[in-house]
Amino acid sequence: MASFVRITVLVWADILTAYALFVMMPYLTTVWNLNITHAAAIVNVFSGVATIMPIGMAFLVDAFMGDFWMLLLSSLAYSFGVSCLAMSTPPVLSNAVGNCGEYKPHCIGASQPGSQVP
């Protein structure tokens, strides 16, 4: 039963992240005023890395680590990446960089797009 709950929680988190990335594209084009190619590049790089990473992770699990530690490491890495995307929004970084905290194009400082544009 415990394994079922763990898997259900991970699947739910993956669905939530997929929805957040789905909403990220209009956010990047309207609020940050990025063109569609830069917004697509940001979302595609994140999705691509998240899709290809299991190949390397499978090698690490088989060669060096156990299943539990690799699940913990990959979940933490995925959470860190999503947290970096969330912290790049205006209300989170507004006090640190001196910008306003609204979701408007004039509130985006130079540090926020620089953290995401490839």
N, C-alpha and C. Protein backbone atom coordinates (compact mmCIF):
# COMPACT_ATOMS: atom_id res chain seq x y z
N MET A 1 0.82 -1.20 0.00
CA MET A 1 0.00 0.00 0.00
C MET A 1 0.85 1.26 0.00
N ALA A 2 1.97 1.22 0.75
CA ALA A 2 2.83 2.40 0.83
C ALA A 2 3.45 2.72 -0.53
N SER A 3 3.81 1.69 -1.29
CA SER A 3 4.38 1.93 -2.61
C SER A 3 3.37 2.58 -3.54
N PHE A 4 2.12 2.15 -3.45
CA PHE A 4 1.07 2.74 -4.27
C PHE A 4 0.90 4.22 -3.96
N VAL A 5 0.95 4.57 -2.68
CA VAL A 5 0.80 5.97 -2.28
C VAL A 5 1.97 6.79 -2.79
N ARG A 6 3.19 6.26 -2.67
CA ARG A 6 4.37 6.99 -3.16
C ARG A 6 4.29 7.23 -4.66
N ILE A 7 3.92 6.21 -5.39
CA ILE A 7 3.82 6.34 -6.84
C ILE A 7 2.71 7.32 -7.21
N THR A 8 1.60 7.27 -6.50
CA THR A 8 0.50 8.20 -6.77
C THR A 8 0.92 9.64 -6.52
N VAL A 9 1.67 9.87 -5.46
CA VAL A 9 2.15 11.23 -5.16
C VAL A 9 3.09 11.71 -6.26
N LEU A 10 3.99 10.86 -6.73
CA LEU A 10 4.91 11.26 -7.79
C LEU A 10 4.18 11.51 -9.11
N VAL A 11 3.19 10.71 -9.42
CA VAL A 11 2.42 10.93 -10.65
C VAL A 11 1.64 12.24 -10.55
N TRP A 12 1.06 12.51 -9.39
CA TRP A 12 0.33 13.76 -9.19
C TRP A 12 1.27 14.96 -9.34
N ALA A 13 2.47 14.87 -8.78
CA ALA A 13 3.43 15.97 -8.91
C ALA A 13 3.85 16.16 -10.36
N ASP A 14 3.99 15.08 -11.11
CA ASP A 14 4.35 15.19 -12.52
C ASP A 14 3.23 15.83 -13.33
N ILE A 15 2.00 15.50 -13.04
CA ILE A 15 0.86 16.11 -13.74
C ILE A 15 0.78 17.60 -13.41
N LEU A 16 1.01 17.95 -12.16
CA LEU A 16 0.99 19.36 -11.76
C LEU A 16 2.10 20.14 -12.45
N THR A 17 3.28 19.56 -12.57
CA THR A 17 4.38 20.22 -13.25
C THR A 17 4.10 20.35 -14.74
N ALA A 18 3.50 19.35 -15.35
CA ALA A 18 3.15 19.44 -16.77
C ALA A 18 2.16 20.57 -17.01
N TYR A 19 1.20 20.73 -16.11
CA TYR A 19 0.25 21.84 -16.25
C TYR A 19 0.96 23.18 -16.08
N ALA A 20 1.88 23.26 -15.13
CA ALA A 20 2.61 24.52 -14.91
C ALA A 20 3.43 24.88 -16.14
N LEU A 21 4.04 23.90 -16.80
CA LEU A 21 4.80 24.19 -18.01
C LEU A 21 3.88 24.54 -19.17
N PHE A 22 2.67 23.99 -19.19
CA PHE A 22 1.70 24.35 -20.21
C PHE A 22 1.31 25.82 -20.08
N VAL A 23 1.17 26.29 -18.86
CA VAL A 23 0.79 27.68 -18.61
C VAL A 23 2.00 28.61 -18.74
N MET A 24 3.21 28.06 -18.67
CA MET A 24 4.42 28.88 -18.72
C MET A 24 4.58 29.60 -20.06
N MET A 25 4.18 28.98 -21.15
CA MET A 25 4.37 29.57 -22.47
C MET A 25 3.62 30.89 -22.63
N PRO A 26 2.32 30.96 -22.36
CA PRO A 26 1.65 32.27 -22.45
C PRO A 26 2.19 33.28 -21.45
N TYR A 27 2.61 32.81 -20.29
CA TYR A 27 3.19 33.72 -19.29
C TYR A 27 4.47 34.37 -19.82
N LEU A 28 5.33 33.58 -20.43
CA LEU A 28 6.59 34.12 -20.94
C LEU A 28 6.36 35.08 -22.11
N THR A 29 5.35 34.81 -22.92
CA THR A 29 5.12 35.68 -24.07
C THR A 29 4.37 36.96 -23.71
N THR A 30 3.47 36.90 -22.73
CA THR A 30 2.69 38.10 -22.39
C THR A 30 3.35 38.94 -21.31
N VAL A 31 3.78 38.33 -20.22
CA VAL A 31 4.33 39.10 -19.10
C VAL A 31 5.78 39.49 -19.36
N TRP A 32 6.59 38.56 -19.82
CA TRP A 32 8.00 38.87 -20.06
C TRP A 32 8.25 39.45 -21.44
N ASN A 33 7.27 39.48 -22.27
CA ASN A 33 7.39 39.99 -23.64
C ASN A 33 8.49 39.28 -24.44
N LEU A 34 8.66 38.00 -24.20
CA LEU A 34 9.59 37.22 -25.01
C LEU A 34 8.89 36.81 -26.29
N ASN A 35 9.65 36.66 -27.36
CA ASN A 35 9.01 36.15 -28.56
C ASN A 35 8.74 34.66 -28.39
N ILE A 36 7.95 34.12 -29.26
CA ILE A 36 7.47 32.75 -29.09
C ILE A 36 8.62 31.74 -29.19
N THR A 37 9.66 32.06 -29.94
CA THR A 37 10.77 31.11 -30.07
C THR A 37 11.58 31.01 -28.78
N HIS A 38 11.81 32.13 -28.10
CA HIS A 38 12.52 32.06 -26.83
C HIS A 38 11.68 31.36 -25.76
N ALA A 39 10.39 31.64 -25.73
CA ALA A 39 9.52 30.98 -24.76
C ALA A 39 9.47 29.48 -25.02
N ALA A 40 9.39 29.09 -26.28
CA ALA A 40 9.38 27.67 -26.61
C ALA A 40 10.71 27.02 -26.26
N ALA A 41 11.81 27.74 -26.46
CA ALA A 41 13.12 27.19 -26.12
C ALA A 41 13.24 26.93 -24.62
N ILE A 42 12.75 27.84 -23.81
CA ILE A 42 12.82 27.66 -22.35
C ILE A 42 12.03 26.43 -21.93
N VAL A 43 10.80 26.32 -22.41
CA VAL A 43 9.95 25.19 -22.02
C VAL A 43 10.49 23.89 -22.60
N ASN A 44 10.98 23.91 -23.83
CA ASN A 44 11.48 22.69 -24.46
C ASN A 44 12.77 22.20 -23.83
N VAL A 45 13.65 23.11 -23.44
CA VAL A 45 14.89 22.68 -22.78
C VAL A 45 14.57 22.00 -21.46
N PHE A 46 13.68 22.59 -20.69
CA PHE A 46 13.31 21.97 -19.42
C PHE A 46 12.66 20.61 -19.64
N SER A 47 11.73 20.53 -20.58
CA SER A 47 11.05 19.26 -20.85
C SER A 47 12.02 18.23 -21.43
N GLY A 48 12.91 18.67 -22.29
CA GLY A 48 13.87 17.74 -22.89
C GLY A 48 14.83 17.15 -21.87
N VAL A 49 15.33 17.99 -20.99
CA VAL A 49 16.23 17.49 -19.95
C VAL A 49 15.49 16.54 -19.02
N ALA A 50 14.26 16.87 -18.68
CA ALA A 50 13.47 16.00 -17.81
C ALA A 50 13.15 14.67 -18.50
N THR A 51 13.08 14.66 -19.82
CA THR A 51 12.77 13.43 -20.55
C THR A 51 14.01 12.57 -20.77
N ILE A 52 15.16 13.19 -21.02
CA ILE A 52 16.38 12.45 -21.31
C ILE A 52 17.12 12.01 -20.05
N MET A 53 16.93 12.72 -18.95
CA MET A 53 17.65 12.40 -17.73
C MET A 53 17.49 10.97 -17.23
N PRO A 54 16.35 10.32 -17.41
CA PRO A 54 16.23 8.94 -16.91
C PRO A 54 17.24 7.96 -17.50
N ILE A 55 17.77 8.24 -18.69
CA ILE A 55 18.76 7.34 -19.27
C ILE A 55 20.03 7.33 -18.43
N GLY A 56 20.52 8.52 -18.11
CA GLY A 56 21.70 8.60 -17.25
C GLY A 56 21.41 8.15 -15.83
N MET A 57 20.23 8.46 -15.36
CA MET A 57 19.85 8.06 -14.00
C MET A 57 19.77 6.53 -13.89
N ALA A 58 19.29 5.86 -14.92
CA ALA A 58 19.22 4.40 -14.89
C ALA A 58 20.61 3.79 -14.78
N PHE A 59 21.58 4.36 -15.48
CA PHE A 59 22.95 3.88 -15.36
C PHE A 59 23.48 4.08 -13.95
N LEU A 60 23.23 5.27 -13.37
CA LEU A 60 23.70 5.53 -12.01
C LEU A 60 23.05 4.60 -10.99
N VAL A 61 21.78 4.31 -11.17
CA VAL A 61 21.09 3.40 -10.25
C VAL A 61 21.71 2.01 -10.31
N ASP A 62 21.92 1.51 -11.52
CA ASP A 62 22.47 0.17 -11.67
C ASP A 62 23.91 0.08 -11.21
N ALA A 63 24.69 1.11 -11.46
CA ALA A 63 26.12 1.04 -11.18
C ALA A 63 26.50 1.45 -9.76
N PHE A 64 25.88 2.50 -9.24
CA PHE A 64 26.39 3.07 -7.99
C PHE A 64 25.38 3.18 -6.86
N MET A 65 24.16 3.49 -7.15
CA MET A 65 23.20 3.82 -6.10
C MET A 65 22.05 2.82 -6.07
N GLY A 66 21.31 2.86 -4.98
CA GLY A 66 20.10 2.05 -4.87
C GLY A 66 18.90 2.80 -5.41
N ASP A 67 17.80 2.12 -5.50
CA ASP A 67 16.58 2.72 -6.04
C ASP A 67 16.08 3.88 -5.21
N PHE A 68 16.09 3.72 -3.88
CA PHE A 68 15.57 4.78 -3.01
C PHE A 68 16.39 6.05 -3.15
N TRP A 69 17.71 5.94 -3.13
CA TRP A 69 18.55 7.15 -3.18
C TRP A 69 18.44 7.85 -4.53
N MET A 70 18.30 7.08 -5.60
CA MET A 70 18.17 7.71 -6.91
C MET A 70 16.80 8.37 -7.05
N LEU A 71 15.77 7.78 -6.50
CA LEU A 71 14.45 8.40 -6.53
C LEU A 71 14.48 9.70 -5.74
N LEU A 72 15.14 9.68 -4.60
CA LEU A 72 15.27 10.89 -3.79
C LEU A 72 16.07 11.96 -4.53
N LEU A 73 17.20 11.58 -5.12
CA LEU A 73 18.04 12.54 -5.84
C LEU A 73 17.32 13.13 -7.05
N SER A 74 16.66 12.30 -7.83
CA SER A 74 15.97 12.82 -9.02
C SER A 74 14.78 13.68 -8.65
N SER A 75 14.07 13.33 -7.59
CA SER A 75 12.95 14.17 -7.14
C SER A 75 13.43 15.52 -6.65
N LEU A 76 14.55 15.53 -5.93
CA LEU A 76 15.10 16.80 -5.46
C LEU A 76 15.60 17.66 -6.62
N ALA A 77 16.24 17.04 -7.61
CA ALA A 77 16.71 17.80 -8.77
C ALA A 77 15.55 18.38 -9.57
N TYR A 78 14.50 17.61 -9.74
CA TYR A 78 13.31 18.07 -10.46
C TYR A 78 12.64 19.21 -9.71
N SER A 79 12.55 19.06 -8.38
CA SER A 79 11.95 20.11 -7.55
C SER A 79 12.79 21.38 -7.58
N PHE A 80 14.10 21.24 -7.61
CA PHE A 80 14.98 22.40 -7.69
C PHE A 80 14.78 23.15 -9.00
N GLY A 81 14.65 22.43 -10.10
CA GLY A 81 14.42 23.08 -11.39
C GLY A 81 13.10 23.81 -11.46
N VAL A 82 12.06 23.19 -10.94
CA VAL A 82 10.75 23.85 -10.92
C VAL A 82 10.77 25.05 -9.98
N SER A 83 11.50 24.94 -8.87
CA SER A 83 11.62 26.07 -7.94
C SER A 83 12.33 27.25 -8.59
N CYS A 84 13.35 26.97 -9.38
CA CYS A 84 14.05 28.06 -10.10
C CYS A 84 13.11 28.76 -11.07
N LEU A 85 12.26 28.00 -11.75
CA LEU A 85 11.28 28.63 -12.63
C LEU A 85 10.28 29.47 -11.84
N ALA A 86 9.85 28.97 -10.69
CA ALA A 86 8.88 29.71 -9.88
C ALA A 86 9.50 30.98 -9.29
N MET A 87 10.76 30.91 -8.91
CA MET A 87 11.41 32.08 -8.30
C MET A 87 11.68 33.19 -9.31
N SER A 88 11.61 32.88 -10.57
CA SER A 88 11.88 33.91 -11.58
C SER A 88 10.68 34.80 -11.85
N THR A 89 9.56 34.57 -11.20
CA THR A 89 8.39 35.42 -11.40
C THR A 89 8.53 36.71 -10.61
N PRO A 90 7.88 37.78 -11.04
CA PRO A 90 8.07 39.09 -10.41
C PRO A 90 7.80 39.16 -8.91
N PRO A 91 6.73 38.58 -8.36
CA PRO A 91 6.51 38.76 -6.92
C PRO A 91 7.61 38.16 -6.05
N VAL A 92 8.26 37.10 -6.51
CA VAL A 92 9.28 36.45 -5.69
C VAL A 92 10.57 37.26 -5.69
N LEU A 93 11.01 37.72 -6.85
CA LEU A 93 12.27 38.44 -6.94
C LEU A 93 12.12 39.95 -6.82
N SER A 94 10.93 40.45 -6.61
CA SER A 94 10.73 41.91 -6.63
C SER A 94 11.49 42.61 -5.52
N ASN A 95 11.50 42.08 -4.33
CA ASN A 95 12.21 42.73 -3.25
C ASN A 95 13.72 42.62 -3.41
N ALA A 96 14.19 41.51 -3.95
CA ALA A 96 15.63 41.30 -4.08
C ALA A 96 16.26 42.20 -5.14
N VAL A 97 15.57 42.45 -6.23
CA VAL A 97 16.15 43.24 -7.31
C VAL A 97 15.55 44.62 -7.44
N GLY A 98 14.58 44.96 -6.60
CA GLY A 98 14.02 46.31 -6.60
C GLY A 98 12.99 46.58 -7.67
N ASN A 99 12.36 45.56 -8.22
CA ASN A 99 11.31 45.75 -9.22
C ASN A 99 9.95 45.73 -8.53
N CYS A 100 8.92 46.13 -9.26
CA CYS A 100 7.58 46.02 -8.69
C CYS A 100 7.14 44.56 -8.71
N GLY A 101 6.17 44.22 -7.90
CA GLY A 101 5.76 42.83 -7.75
C GLY A 101 4.52 42.45 -8.51
N GLU A 102 4.22 43.12 -9.61
CA GLU A 102 3.02 42.81 -10.38
C GLU A 102 3.38 41.98 -11.61
N TYR A 103 2.38 41.34 -12.17
CA TYR A 103 2.58 40.56 -13.39
C TYR A 103 2.36 41.44 -14.62
N LYS A 104 3.20 42.43 -14.79
CA LYS A 104 3.11 43.33 -15.93
C LYS A 104 4.48 43.44 -16.58
N PRO A 105 4.54 43.73 -17.88
CA PRO A 105 5.83 43.76 -18.57
C PRO A 105 6.83 44.75 -17.99
N HIS A 106 6.38 45.89 -17.47
CA HIS A 106 7.35 46.86 -16.95
C HIS A 106 7.95 46.43 -15.61
N CYS A 107 7.42 45.37 -15.01
CA CYS A 107 7.94 44.88 -13.73
C CYS A 107 9.07 43.87 -13.90
N ILE A 108 9.35 43.46 -15.09
CA ILE A 108 10.38 42.46 -15.31
C ILE A 108 11.73 43.16 -15.38
N GLY A 109 12.61 42.79 -14.47
CA GLY A 109 13.94 43.37 -14.44
C GLY A 109 14.89 42.58 -15.32
N ALA A 110 16.11 43.09 -15.45
CA ALA A 110 17.10 42.43 -16.31
C ALA A 110 17.53 41.09 -15.75
N SER A 111 17.45 40.91 -14.44
CA SER A 111 17.91 39.65 -13.85
C SER A 111 16.94 38.50 -14.08
N GLN A 112 15.68 38.76 -14.25
CA GLN A 112 14.71 37.68 -14.39
C GLN A 112 14.75 37.02 -15.77
N PRO A 113 14.68 37.73 -16.88
CA PRO A 113 14.80 37.03 -18.16
C PRO A 113 16.18 36.41 -18.35
N GLY A 114 17.20 37.01 -17.78
CA GLY A 114 18.54 36.46 -17.92
C GLY A 114 18.69 35.12 -17.25
N SER A 115 17.84 34.82 -16.28
CA SER A 115 17.93 33.54 -15.60
C SER A 115 17.28 32.42 -16.39
N GLN A 116 16.52 32.72 -17.43
CA GLN A 116 15.78 31.69 -18.15
C GLN A 116 16.09 31.61 -19.64
N VAL A 117 16.44 32.69 -20.27
CA VAL A 117 16.62 32.68 -21.72
C VAL A 117 17.91 31.95 -22.07
N PRO A 118 17.83 30.92 -22.92
CA PRO A 118 19.03 30.15 -23.26
C PRO A 118 19.94 30.91 -24.21
